[in-house]
């Protein structure tokens, strides 16, 4: 049973969201490089120290759902049904993330990111971190060492699938196409890696 957050946690979350909303509003209005940390703090009506207690850097303000995305990816592995294989579970979560990040409202944000070397560099480091967290979750799920190459490879492929599909003309079709290759790569891994994987449930053929 999930315990609902207490008043302190709700207040912290509300403050964090207020800061992130203020930052994004200013970045889109004035341009990312033209806005400073003090500008964001003033817009959100918080102290600079309060801002930094929620966000470690200016770049992090743009990627305020970073931790949530990372947790969603690892939970796709750890919380999937006992009879669900790994790759379909990852595909489902990546599809959901791609839909979120290709919504019309996200387009101005990605244009801003693409135009900023600092934001592009931050996003790259974020994706590498997500891939390492995902690889650790996959390895733990299969009772393998965290540095197992196959687990790290599949995790990196999954994260790259998100990035590539986001830039595609048809993001959903791109995810499906990429995951066909990921599925083939995973099946080509050493059989010992797949011994812990459940077999897909056969689907009944229609008459």
Protein backbone atom coordinates (compact mmCIF):
# COMPACT_ATOMS: atom_id res chain seq x y z
CA UNK A 1 0.00 0.00 0.00
CA UNK A 2 1.38 3.41 -1.00
CA UNK A 3 1.57 5.89 1.86
CA UNK A 4 0.41 9.36 0.76
CA UNK A 5 3.00 12.13 1.20
CA UNK A 6 2.83 14.15 4.39
CA UNK A 7 2.30 17.89 4.65
CA UNK A 8 6.05 18.64 4.65
CA UNK A 9 6.62 16.58 1.49
CA UNK A 10 3.65 18.18 -0.25
CA UNK A 11 4.93 21.66 0.62
CA UNK A 12 8.41 20.84 -0.70
CA UNK A 13 6.95 19.43 -3.92
CA UNK A 14 4.79 22.53 -4.39
CA UNK A 15 7.78 24.83 -3.89
CA UNK A 16 9.86 22.82 -6.32
CA UNK A 17 7.11 22.97 -8.95
CA UNK A 18 6.66 26.71 -8.44
CA UNK A 19 10.39 27.28 -9.03
CA UNK A 20 10.41 25.06 -12.12
CA UNK A 21 7.34 26.76 -13.58
CA UNK A 22 8.83 30.21 -12.98
CA UNK A 23 12.13 29.19 -14.58
CA UNK A 24 10.50 27.74 -17.67
CA UNK A 25 8.28 30.78 -18.08
CA UNK A 26 11.28 33.12 -17.97
CA UNK A 27 13.45 30.93 -20.19
CA UNK A 28 10.80 30.80 -22.89
CA UNK A 29 9.99 34.51 -22.65
CA UNK A 30 13.54 35.91 -22.54
CA UNK A 31 15.78 33.09 -23.74
CA UNK A 32 17.73 30.63 -21.61
CA UNK A 33 21.04 32.54 -21.65
CA UNK A 34 19.39 35.85 -20.76
CA UNK A 35 17.95 34.56 -17.47
CA UNK A 36 19.99 34.16 -14.31
CA UNK A 37 19.41 32.15 -11.16
CA UNK A 38 18.52 35.31 -9.23
CA UNK A 39 15.90 36.16 -11.85
CA UNK A 40 14.27 32.77 -11.36
CA UNK A 41 14.35 33.03 -7.57
CA UNK A 42 12.75 36.46 -7.70
CA UNK A 43 10.07 35.28 -10.13
CA UNK A 44 9.27 32.31 -7.89
CA UNK A 45 9.46 34.50 -4.75
CA UNK A 46 12.00 32.28 -3.02
CA UNK A 47 15.54 32.74 -1.78
CA UNK A 48 18.43 31.66 -4.00
CA UNK A 49 19.41 29.16 -1.29
CA UNK A 50 15.91 27.69 -1.47
CA UNK A 51 16.20 27.34 -5.22
CA UNK A 52 19.50 25.49 -4.90
CA UNK A 53 18.04 23.19 -2.24
CA UNK A 54 15.71 21.90 -4.97
CA UNK A 55 17.86 22.23 -8.10
CA UNK A 56 21.60 21.71 -8.26
CA UNK A 57 22.15 23.88 -11.33
CA UNK A 58 20.48 26.21 -13.80
CA UNK A 59 20.33 23.39 -16.36
CA UNK A 60 18.46 21.19 -13.90
CA UNK A 61 15.63 23.72 -13.86
CA UNK A 62 14.82 22.81 -17.47
CA UNK A 63 14.83 19.07 -16.75
CA UNK A 64 12.77 19.21 -13.59
CA UNK A 65 11.19 15.79 -14.29
CA UNK A 66 14.61 14.16 -14.55
CA UNK A 67 14.27 12.07 -11.38
CA UNK A 68 10.69 11.11 -12.17
CA UNK A 69 11.69 9.82 -15.62
CA UNK A 70 14.59 7.86 -14.16
CA UNK A 71 12.33 6.25 -11.56
CA UNK A 72 9.71 5.39 -14.17
CA UNK A 73 12.32 3.59 -16.25
CA UNK A 74 13.62 1.52 -13.36
CA UNK A 75 10.09 0.74 -12.17
CA UNK A 76 9.27 -0.54 -15.65
CA UNK A 77 11.74 -3.30 -14.79
CA UNK A 78 11.16 -3.81 -11.07
CA UNK A 79 7.36 -3.41 -10.99
CA UNK A 80 6.39 -5.31 -14.12
CA UNK A 81 4.10 -8.33 -13.84
CA UNK A 82 5.84 -11.65 -13.06
CA UNK A 83 4.87 -13.05 -16.47
CA UNK A 84 5.89 -9.97 -18.49
CA UNK A 85 9.25 -10.17 -20.31
CA UNK A 86 11.71 -7.34 -19.93
CA UNK A 87 11.80 -5.78 -23.40
CA UNK A 88 8.02 -5.30 -23.86
CA UNK A 89 7.87 -3.65 -20.42
CA UNK A 90 10.63 -1.24 -21.42
CA UNK A 91 8.99 -0.54 -24.78
CA UNK A 92 5.71 0.39 -23.08
CA UNK A 93 7.43 2.87 -20.76
CA UNK A 94 9.57 4.41 -23.49
CA UNK A 95 6.44 4.87 -25.62
CA UNK A 96 4.77 6.70 -22.74
CA UNK A 97 7.79 8.97 -22.21
CA UNK A 98 8.03 9.72 -25.92
CA UNK A 99 4.34 10.66 -26.08
CA UNK A 100 4.87 13.02 -23.15
CA UNK A 101 7.93 14.67 -24.71
CA UNK A 102 6.50 15.01 -28.21
CA UNK A 103 3.31 16.78 -27.14
CA UNK A 104 2.78 20.13 -28.84
CA UNK A 105 3.41 21.94 -25.54
CA UNK A 106 6.91 20.42 -25.34
CA UNK A 107 8.08 21.69 -28.75
CA UNK A 108 9.28 25.15 -27.56
CA UNK A 109 11.22 23.52 -24.71
CA UNK A 110 13.06 21.15 -27.04
CA UNK A 111 13.85 24.00 -29.43
CA UNK A 112 15.41 25.84 -26.50
CA UNK A 113 17.41 22.75 -25.52
CA UNK A 114 18.61 22.15 -29.06
CA UNK A 115 19.80 25.76 -29.32
CA UNK A 116 21.82 25.67 -26.09
CA UNK A 117 25.16 23.80 -25.90
CA UNK A 118 24.93 23.76 -22.09
CA UNK A 119 21.47 22.17 -22.14
CA UNK A 120 22.46 19.64 -24.80
CA UNK A 121 25.47 18.64 -22.72
CA UNK A 122 23.32 18.34 -19.60
CA UNK A 123 20.76 16.21 -21.44
CA UNK A 124 23.49 13.88 -22.68
CA UNK A 125 24.87 13.40 -19.17
CA UNK A 126 21.33 12.85 -17.90
CA UNK A 127 20.69 10.14 -20.49
CA UNK A 128 23.92 8.36 -19.56
CA UNK A 129 22.92 8.44 -15.91
CA UNK A 130 19.46 7.08 -16.73
CA UNK A 131 21.07 4.28 -18.75
CA UNK A 132 23.32 3.30 -15.84
CA UNK A 133 20.37 3.26 -13.40
CA UNK A 134 18.34 1.19 -15.84
CA UNK A 135 21.22 -1.25 -16.38
CA UNK A 136 21.56 -1.68 -12.61
CA UNK A 137 17.84 -2.43 -12.32
CA UNK A 138 17.97 -4.96 -15.17
CA UNK A 139 21.01 -6.71 -13.70
CA UNK A 140 19.44 -6.86 -10.24
CA UNK A 141 16.22 -8.24 -11.73
CA UNK A 142 18.18 -11.07 -13.33
CA UNK A 143 20.49 -11.54 -10.32
CA UNK A 144 23.55 -10.50 -12.34
CA UNK A 145 26.48 -8.17 -11.54
CA UNK A 146 25.64 -4.49 -12.20
CA UNK A 147 28.42 -4.19 -14.79
CA UNK A 148 27.13 -7.06 -16.97
CA UNK A 149 27.73 -5.87 -20.52
CA UNK A 150 24.46 -7.18 -21.97
CA UNK A 151 22.42 -5.35 -19.31
CA UNK A 152 24.29 -2.09 -19.87
CA UNK A 153 23.93 -2.45 -23.65
CA UNK A 154 20.18 -3.05 -23.59
CA UNK A 155 19.74 -0.15 -21.16
CA UNK A 156 21.71 2.17 -23.42
CA UNK A 157 19.70 1.00 -26.45
CA UNK A 158 16.45 1.73 -24.61
CA UNK A 159 17.54 5.24 -23.64
CA UNK A 160 18.75 5.93 -27.17
CA UNK A 161 15.41 4.68 -28.49
CA UNK A 162 13.72 7.46 -26.54
CA UNK A 163 16.07 10.10 -27.96
CA UNK A 164 15.85 8.86 -31.55
CA UNK A 165 12.08 8.42 -31.51
CA UNK A 166 11.57 11.92 -30.10
CA UNK A 167 13.23 13.33 -33.23
CA UNK A 168 11.41 11.05 -35.70
CA UNK A 169 8.52 12.09 -37.94
CA UNK A 170 6.41 9.26 -36.48
CA UNK A 171 7.71 8.77 -32.91
CA UNK A 172 5.48 5.80 -32.05
CA UNK A 173 6.45 3.90 -35.22
CA UNK A 174 10.09 4.69 -34.51
CA UNK A 175 9.86 3.22 -31.00
CA UNK A 176 8.32 0.04 -32.37
CA UNK A 177 10.98 -0.26 -35.08
CA UNK A 178 13.85 0.32 -32.66
CA UNK A 179 12.49 -2.11 -30.12
CA UNK A 180 12.27 -4.84 -32.74
CA UNK A 181 16.04 -4.51 -33.00
CA UNK A 182 16.43 -4.35 -29.23
CA UNK A 183 14.35 -7.52 -28.88
CA UNK A 184 16.57 -9.31 -31.40
CA UNK A 185 19.71 -8.13 -29.61
CA UNK A 186 18.38 -9.28 -26.25
CA UNK A 187 17.48 -12.71 -27.61
CA UNK A 188 20.95 -12.98 -29.09
CA UNK A 189 22.51 -12.54 -25.64
CA UNK A 190 23.98 -15.55 -23.87
CA UNK A 191 21.18 -18.00 -22.90
CA UNK A 192 22.15 -17.76 -19.22
CA UNK A 193 20.99 -14.15 -19.23
CA UNK A 194 17.56 -15.15 -20.43
CA UNK A 195 17.02 -18.09 -18.10
CA UNK A 196 15.44 -15.77 -15.55
CA UNK A 197 13.15 -14.18 -18.11
CA UNK A 198 9.52 -15.35 -18.22
CA UNK A 199 8.31 -16.77 -21.48
CA UNK A 200 5.77 -14.54 -23.28
CA UNK A 201 2.20 -15.69 -22.75
CA UNK A 202 0.84 -17.19 -26.02
CA UNK A 203 -2.03 -15.27 -27.53
CA UNK A 204 -5.06 -17.11 -28.79
CA UNK A 205 -5.49 -17.11 -32.56
CA UNK A 206 -8.67 -15.65 -33.81
CA UNK A 207 -10.88 -18.03 -35.76
